[in-house]
Amino acid sequence: KLTDRGLVQARLTGARLAQLFDGQAMMAYVSPYRRTKQTWEAIADCLRAQNVTILGTREDPRLSEQQFGNFQDVKAVMRAKQERHNFGRFFYRFPNGEAGLDVYSRVSA
């Protein structure tokens, strides 16, 4: 669930976006995560209150955070982090997870 702090931040973001859009119409893409959708609803309420037309909202599962794999073993986590440091943060793929490059490719498709 979105925290009270998150709700305040979403409303502030909505107010700022309303200034930037200045009454123009817009379309939103959101991830399927519950907190993301709650954040968007708070932003959208602020936008509508400032006469920004929201043409639509599209949920897109590609818009999700990086998958770091399933780490249950602390030693395995430490090894993976060291390997990532040696290999490079953007290109290192965690076991059963994604590299930064994978995320970039997924969300820019």
N, C-alpha and C. Protein backbone atom coordinates (compact mmCIF):
# COMPACT_ATOMS: atom_id res chain seq x y z
N LYS A 1 0.85 -1.18 0.00
CA LYS A 1 0.00 0.00 0.00
C LYS A 1 0.89 1.24 0.00
N LEU A 2 0.45 2.25 -0.71
CA LEU A 2 1.18 3.51 -0.75
C LEU A 2 1.18 4.15 0.63
N THR A 3 2.34 4.59 1.09
CA THR A 3 2.44 5.22 2.41
C THR A 3 1.89 6.64 2.36
N ASP A 4 1.68 7.21 3.54
CA ASP A 4 1.25 8.61 3.61
C ASP A 4 2.28 9.51 2.95
N ARG A 5 3.54 9.23 3.19
CA ARG A 5 4.60 10.02 2.55
C ARG A 5 4.53 9.89 1.03
N GLY A 6 4.32 8.66 0.56
CA GLY A 6 4.20 8.44 -0.88
C GLY A 6 3.03 9.19 -1.48
N LEU A 7 1.93 9.24 -0.75
CA LEU A 7 0.75 9.98 -1.22
C LEU A 7 1.06 11.47 -1.33
N VAL A 8 1.73 12.02 -0.33
CA VAL A 8 2.12 13.44 -0.37
C VAL A 8 3.03 13.69 -1.57
N GLN A 9 4.01 12.81 -1.76
CA GLN A 9 4.94 12.97 -2.89
C GLN A 9 4.20 12.88 -4.22
N ALA A 10 3.24 11.97 -4.34
CA ALA A 10 2.47 11.83 -5.58
C ALA A 10 1.66 13.09 -5.85
N ARG A 11 1.07 13.64 -4.82
CA ARG A 11 0.27 14.87 -5.00
C ARG A 11 1.16 16.04 -5.41
N LEU A 12 2.33 16.14 -4.81
CA LEU A 12 3.27 17.20 -5.20
C LEU A 12 3.71 17.02 -6.66
N THR A 13 3.93 15.77 -7.04
CA THR A 13 4.29 15.47 -8.42
C THR A 13 3.15 15.85 -9.36
N GLY A 14 1.93 15.51 -8.98
CA GLY A 14 0.77 15.87 -9.79
C GLY A 14 0.64 17.37 -9.98
N ALA A 15 0.88 18.12 -8.90
CA ALA A 15 0.80 19.59 -8.99
C ALA A 15 1.87 20.13 -9.93
N ARG A 16 3.07 19.58 -9.84
CA ARG A 16 4.16 20.04 -10.72
C ARG A 16 3.91 19.65 -12.17
N LEU A 17 3.44 18.44 -12.39
CA LEU A 17 3.12 18.02 -13.76
C LEU A 17 2.00 18.87 -14.36
N ALA A 18 1.03 19.23 -13.54
CA ALA A 18 -0.06 20.09 -14.02
C ALA A 18 0.49 21.41 -14.52
N GLN A 19 1.48 21.96 -13.83
CA GLN A 19 2.12 23.20 -14.29
C GLN A 19 2.82 22.98 -15.63
N LEU A 20 3.52 21.86 -15.74
CA LEU A 20 4.26 21.58 -16.97
C LEU A 20 3.33 21.34 -18.16
N PHE A 21 2.23 20.63 -17.93
CA PHE A 21 1.29 20.34 -19.02
C PHE A 21 0.40 21.53 -19.34
N ASP A 22 0.17 22.38 -18.37
CA ASP A 22 -0.57 23.62 -18.57
C ASP A 22 -1.86 23.42 -19.37
N GLY A 23 -2.67 22.46 -18.93
CA GLY A 23 -3.96 22.24 -19.56
C GLY A 23 -3.94 21.37 -20.81
N GLN A 24 -2.78 20.91 -21.23
CA GLN A 24 -2.70 20.05 -22.41
C GLN A 24 -3.18 18.64 -22.07
N ALA A 25 -3.50 17.90 -23.10
CA ALA A 25 -3.91 16.51 -22.93
C ALA A 25 -2.68 15.61 -22.83
N MET A 26 -2.84 14.49 -22.15
CA MET A 26 -1.72 13.56 -22.00
C MET A 26 -2.22 12.13 -21.90
N MET A 27 -1.27 11.21 -22.10
CA MET A 27 -1.51 9.77 -21.97
C MET A 27 -0.49 9.26 -20.97
N ALA A 28 -0.87 8.31 -20.12
CA ALA A 28 0.04 7.78 -19.11
C ALA A 28 0.24 6.28 -19.29
N TYR A 29 1.46 5.85 -19.03
CA TYR A 29 1.81 4.43 -19.01
C TYR A 29 2.30 4.12 -17.61
N VAL A 30 1.75 3.07 -17.00
CA VAL A 30 2.11 2.72 -15.63
C VAL A 30 2.45 1.23 -15.54
N SER A 31 3.24 0.90 -14.54
CA SER A 31 3.56 -0.51 -14.30
C SER A 31 2.37 -1.19 -13.62
N PRO A 32 2.34 -2.50 -13.60
CA PRO A 32 1.21 -3.21 -12.99
C PRO A 32 1.26 -3.27 -11.47
N TYR A 33 2.31 -2.77 -10.84
CA TYR A 33 2.42 -2.85 -9.39
C TYR A 33 1.37 -1.98 -8.71
N ARG A 34 0.81 -2.49 -7.62
CA ARG A 34 -0.27 -1.80 -6.91
C ARG A 34 0.14 -0.40 -6.47
N ARG A 35 1.31 -0.25 -5.87
CA ARG A 35 1.73 1.07 -5.41
C ARG A 35 1.89 2.04 -6.57
N THR A 36 2.35 1.53 -7.71
CA THR A 36 2.49 2.40 -8.87
C THR A 36 1.13 2.91 -9.32
N LYS A 37 0.16 2.02 -9.35
CA LYS A 37 -1.18 2.44 -9.75
C LYS A 37 -1.80 3.40 -8.74
N GLN A 38 -1.53 3.19 -7.45
CA GLN A 38 -2.01 4.12 -6.43
C GLN A 38 -1.34 5.48 -6.59
N THR A 39 -0.05 5.47 -6.88
CA THR A 39 0.68 6.71 -7.11
C THR A 39 0.08 7.45 -8.30
N TRP A 40 -0.15 6.71 -9.38
CA TRP A 40 -0.71 7.34 -10.57
C TRP A 40 -2.08 7.94 -10.29
N GLU A 41 -2.92 7.24 -9.54
CA GLU A 41 -4.26 7.77 -9.25
C GLU A 41 -4.18 9.09 -8.49
N ALA A 42 -3.24 9.20 -7.54
CA ALA A 42 -3.08 10.46 -6.80
C ALA A 42 -2.58 11.56 -7.73
N ILE A 43 -1.67 11.23 -8.62
CA ILE A 43 -1.16 12.20 -9.60
C ILE A 43 -2.29 12.62 -10.53
N ALA A 44 -3.04 11.64 -11.02
CA ALA A 44 -4.13 11.92 -11.97
C ALA A 44 -5.20 12.81 -11.35
N ASP A 45 -5.51 12.59 -10.09
CA ASP A 45 -6.49 13.45 -9.41
C ASP A 45 -6.04 14.90 -9.43
N CYS A 46 -4.75 15.12 -9.16
CA CYS A 46 -4.22 16.49 -9.18
C CYS A 46 -4.26 17.07 -10.59
N LEU A 47 -3.92 16.25 -11.57
CA LEU A 47 -3.94 16.73 -12.95
C LEU A 47 -5.34 17.13 -13.38
N ARG A 48 -6.31 16.28 -13.08
CA ARG A 48 -7.70 16.57 -13.46
C ARG A 48 -8.19 17.85 -12.76
N ALA A 49 -7.79 18.02 -11.50
CA ALA A 49 -8.20 19.22 -10.75
C ALA A 49 -7.65 20.49 -11.37
N GLN A 50 -6.56 20.35 -12.15
CA GLN A 50 -5.95 21.51 -12.82
C GLN A 50 -6.28 21.53 -14.31
N ASN A 51 -7.35 20.82 -14.70
CA ASN A 51 -7.86 20.80 -16.08
C ASN A 51 -6.90 20.19 -17.10
N VAL A 52 -6.09 19.25 -16.66
CA VAL A 52 -5.28 18.49 -17.61
C VAL A 52 -6.13 17.29 -18.03
N THR A 53 -6.30 17.14 -19.33
CA THR A 53 -7.08 16.03 -19.86
C THR A 53 -6.20 14.79 -19.94
N ILE A 54 -6.65 13.72 -19.34
CA ILE A 54 -5.94 12.44 -19.40
C ILE A 54 -6.66 11.59 -20.44
N LEU A 55 -6.01 11.42 -21.58
CA LEU A 55 -6.62 10.68 -22.69
C LEU A 55 -6.78 9.20 -22.37
N GLY A 56 -5.91 8.69 -21.53
CA GLY A 56 -5.98 7.29 -21.16
C GLY A 56 -4.80 6.90 -20.30
N THR A 57 -4.94 5.74 -19.68
CA THR A 57 -3.88 5.16 -18.87
C THR A 57 -3.69 3.73 -19.35
N ARG A 58 -2.49 3.40 -19.67
CA ARG A 58 -2.19 2.05 -20.15
C ARG A 58 -1.22 1.37 -19.19
N GLU A 59 -1.61 0.21 -18.72
CA GLU A 59 -0.74 -0.59 -17.86
C GLU A 59 0.19 -1.42 -18.74
N ASP A 60 1.47 -1.36 -18.46
CA ASP A 60 2.45 -2.07 -19.27
C ASP A 60 3.41 -2.85 -18.36
N PRO A 61 3.37 -4.17 -18.40
CA PRO A 61 4.21 -4.98 -17.51
C PRO A 61 5.70 -4.81 -17.77
N ARG A 62 6.08 -4.23 -18.90
CA ARG A 62 7.51 -3.99 -19.14
C ARG A 62 8.05 -2.91 -18.23
N LEU A 63 7.15 -2.08 -17.69
CA LEU A 63 7.56 -1.00 -16.78
C LEU A 63 7.60 -1.54 -15.36
N SER A 64 8.65 -2.23 -15.05
CA SER A 64 8.83 -2.77 -13.69
C SER A 64 10.29 -2.68 -13.31
N GLU A 65 10.54 -2.78 -12.03
CA GLU A 65 11.90 -2.63 -11.54
C GLU A 65 12.78 -3.80 -11.97
N GLN A 66 14.08 -3.60 -11.86
CA GLN A 66 15.04 -4.62 -12.24
C GLN A 66 14.86 -5.85 -11.36
N GLN A 67 14.89 -7.02 -11.96
CA GLN A 67 14.80 -8.29 -11.24
C GLN A 67 16.22 -8.72 -10.87
N PHE A 68 16.48 -8.82 -9.57
CA PHE A 68 17.82 -9.14 -9.10
C PHE A 68 18.02 -10.62 -8.81
N GLY A 69 17.03 -11.44 -9.09
CA GLY A 69 17.16 -12.87 -8.82
C GLY A 69 16.62 -13.22 -7.45
N ASN A 70 16.81 -14.46 -7.06
CA ASN A 70 16.30 -14.95 -5.78
C ASN A 70 17.47 -15.27 -4.88
N PHE A 71 17.84 -14.32 -4.06
CA PHE A 71 19.00 -14.50 -3.19
C PHE A 71 18.56 -14.91 -1.79
N GLN A 72 18.87 -16.14 -1.44
CA GLN A 72 18.61 -16.64 -0.09
C GLN A 72 19.91 -16.83 0.68
N ASP A 73 21.00 -16.97 -0.05
CA ASP A 73 22.31 -17.25 0.52
C ASP A 73 23.13 -15.96 0.56
N VAL A 74 23.46 -15.51 1.76
CA VAL A 74 24.18 -14.25 1.92
C VAL A 74 25.53 -14.29 1.20
N LYS A 75 26.21 -15.42 1.26
CA LYS A 75 27.51 -15.53 0.59
C LYS A 75 27.35 -15.41 -0.93
N ALA A 76 26.28 -15.98 -1.46
CA ALA A 76 26.03 -15.88 -2.90
C ALA A 76 25.75 -14.43 -3.30
N VAL A 77 25.06 -13.70 -2.44
CA VAL A 77 24.79 -12.29 -2.70
C VAL A 77 26.10 -11.51 -2.75
N MET A 78 26.96 -11.74 -1.79
CA MET A 78 28.24 -11.04 -1.75
C MET A 78 29.10 -11.37 -2.98
N ARG A 79 29.10 -12.63 -3.38
CA ARG A 79 29.86 -13.02 -4.59
C ARG A 79 29.30 -12.32 -5.82
N ALA A 80 27.98 -12.29 -5.93
CA ALA A 80 27.34 -11.66 -7.09
C ALA A 80 27.65 -10.17 -7.13
N LYS A 81 27.62 -9.51 -5.97
CA LYS A 81 27.91 -8.08 -5.94
C LYS A 81 29.36 -7.80 -6.31
N GLN A 82 30.28 -8.66 -5.88
CA GLN A 82 31.68 -8.48 -6.25
C GLN A 82 31.87 -8.71 -7.75
N GLU A 83 31.22 -9.74 -8.26
CA GLU A 83 31.31 -10.03 -9.70
C GLU A 83 30.72 -8.87 -10.51
N ARG A 84 29.62 -8.32 -10.04
CA ARG A 84 29.01 -7.17 -10.72
C ARG A 84 29.97 -5.98 -10.71
N HIS A 85 30.63 -5.76 -9.58
CA HIS A 85 31.59 -4.66 -9.48
C HIS A 85 32.73 -4.86 -10.49
N ASN A 86 33.21 -6.08 -10.62
CA ASN A 86 34.30 -6.38 -11.55
C ASN A 86 33.86 -6.30 -13.01
N PHE A 87 32.63 -6.71 -13.27
CA PHE A 87 32.13 -6.83 -14.64
C PHE A 87 31.54 -5.52 -15.16
N GLY A 88 30.90 -4.77 -14.27
CA GLY A 88 30.22 -3.53 -14.65
C GLY A 88 28.75 -3.61 -14.32
N ARG A 89 28.25 -2.58 -13.64
CA ARG A 89 26.87 -2.59 -13.15
C ARG A 89 25.83 -2.74 -14.26
N PHE A 90 26.05 -2.08 -15.37
CA PHE A 90 25.04 -2.07 -16.43
C PHE A 90 24.94 -3.41 -17.16
N PHE A 91 26.06 -4.10 -17.28
CA PHE A 91 26.08 -5.32 -18.09
C PHE A 91 26.01 -6.61 -17.29
N TYR A 92 26.23 -6.55 -15.99
CA TYR A 92 26.22 -7.77 -15.18
C TYR A 92 24.79 -8.26 -14.98
N ARG A 93 24.58 -9.53 -15.29
CA ARG A 93 23.26 -10.16 -15.10
C ARG A 93 23.30 -11.02 -13.85
N PHE A 94 22.46 -10.70 -12.89
CA PHE A 94 22.38 -11.50 -11.68
C PHE A 94 21.84 -12.89 -12.00
N PRO A 95 22.29 -13.93 -11.28
CA PRO A 95 21.72 -15.27 -11.49
C PRO A 95 20.20 -15.22 -11.32
N ASN A 96 19.49 -15.72 -12.30
CA ASN A 96 18.03 -15.71 -12.30
C ASN A 96 17.45 -14.30 -12.25
N GLY A 97 18.20 -13.32 -12.73
CA GLY A 97 17.75 -11.94 -12.71
C GLY A 97 18.06 -11.24 -14.02
N GLU A 98 18.18 -9.92 -13.95
CA GLU A 98 18.39 -9.10 -15.14
C GLU A 98 19.61 -8.20 -14.97
N ALA A 99 20.21 -7.87 -16.08
CA ALA A 99 21.23 -6.83 -16.12
C ALA A 99 20.53 -5.50 -16.38
N GLY A 100 21.24 -4.41 -16.09
CA GLY A 100 20.70 -3.10 -16.43
C GLY A 100 20.37 -3.01 -17.91
N LEU A 101 21.21 -3.62 -18.74
CA LEU A 101 20.97 -3.64 -20.18
C LEU A 101 19.65 -4.34 -20.51
N ASP A 102 19.35 -5.43 -19.79
CA ASP A 102 18.07 -6.13 -20.01
C ASP A 102 16.89 -5.21 -19.71
N VAL A 103 17.00 -4.46 -18.62
CA VAL A 103 15.93 -3.54 -18.24
C VAL A 103 15.77 -2.45 -19.31
N TYR A 104 16.89 -1.89 -19.72
CA TYR A 104 16.87 -0.86 -20.74
C TYR A 104 16.20 -1.39 -22.02
N SER A 105 16.58 -2.58 -22.44
CA SER A 105 16.00 -3.17 -23.65
C SER A 105 14.51 -3.41 -23.48
N ARG A 106 14.11 -3.87 -22.29
CA ARG A 106 12.70 -4.19 -22.03
C ARG A 106 11.84 -2.94 -22.06
N VAL A 107 12.27 -1.88 -21.40
CA VAL A 107 11.41 -0.70 -21.30
C VAL A 107 11.49 0.22 -22.50
N SER A 108 12.49 0.03 -23.35
CA SER A 108 12.58 0.90 -24.52
C SER A 108 12.03 0.23 -25.77
N ALA A 109 11.51 -0.98 -25.63
CA ALA A 109 10.95 -1.72 -26.77
C ALA A 109 9.63 -1.14 -27.21
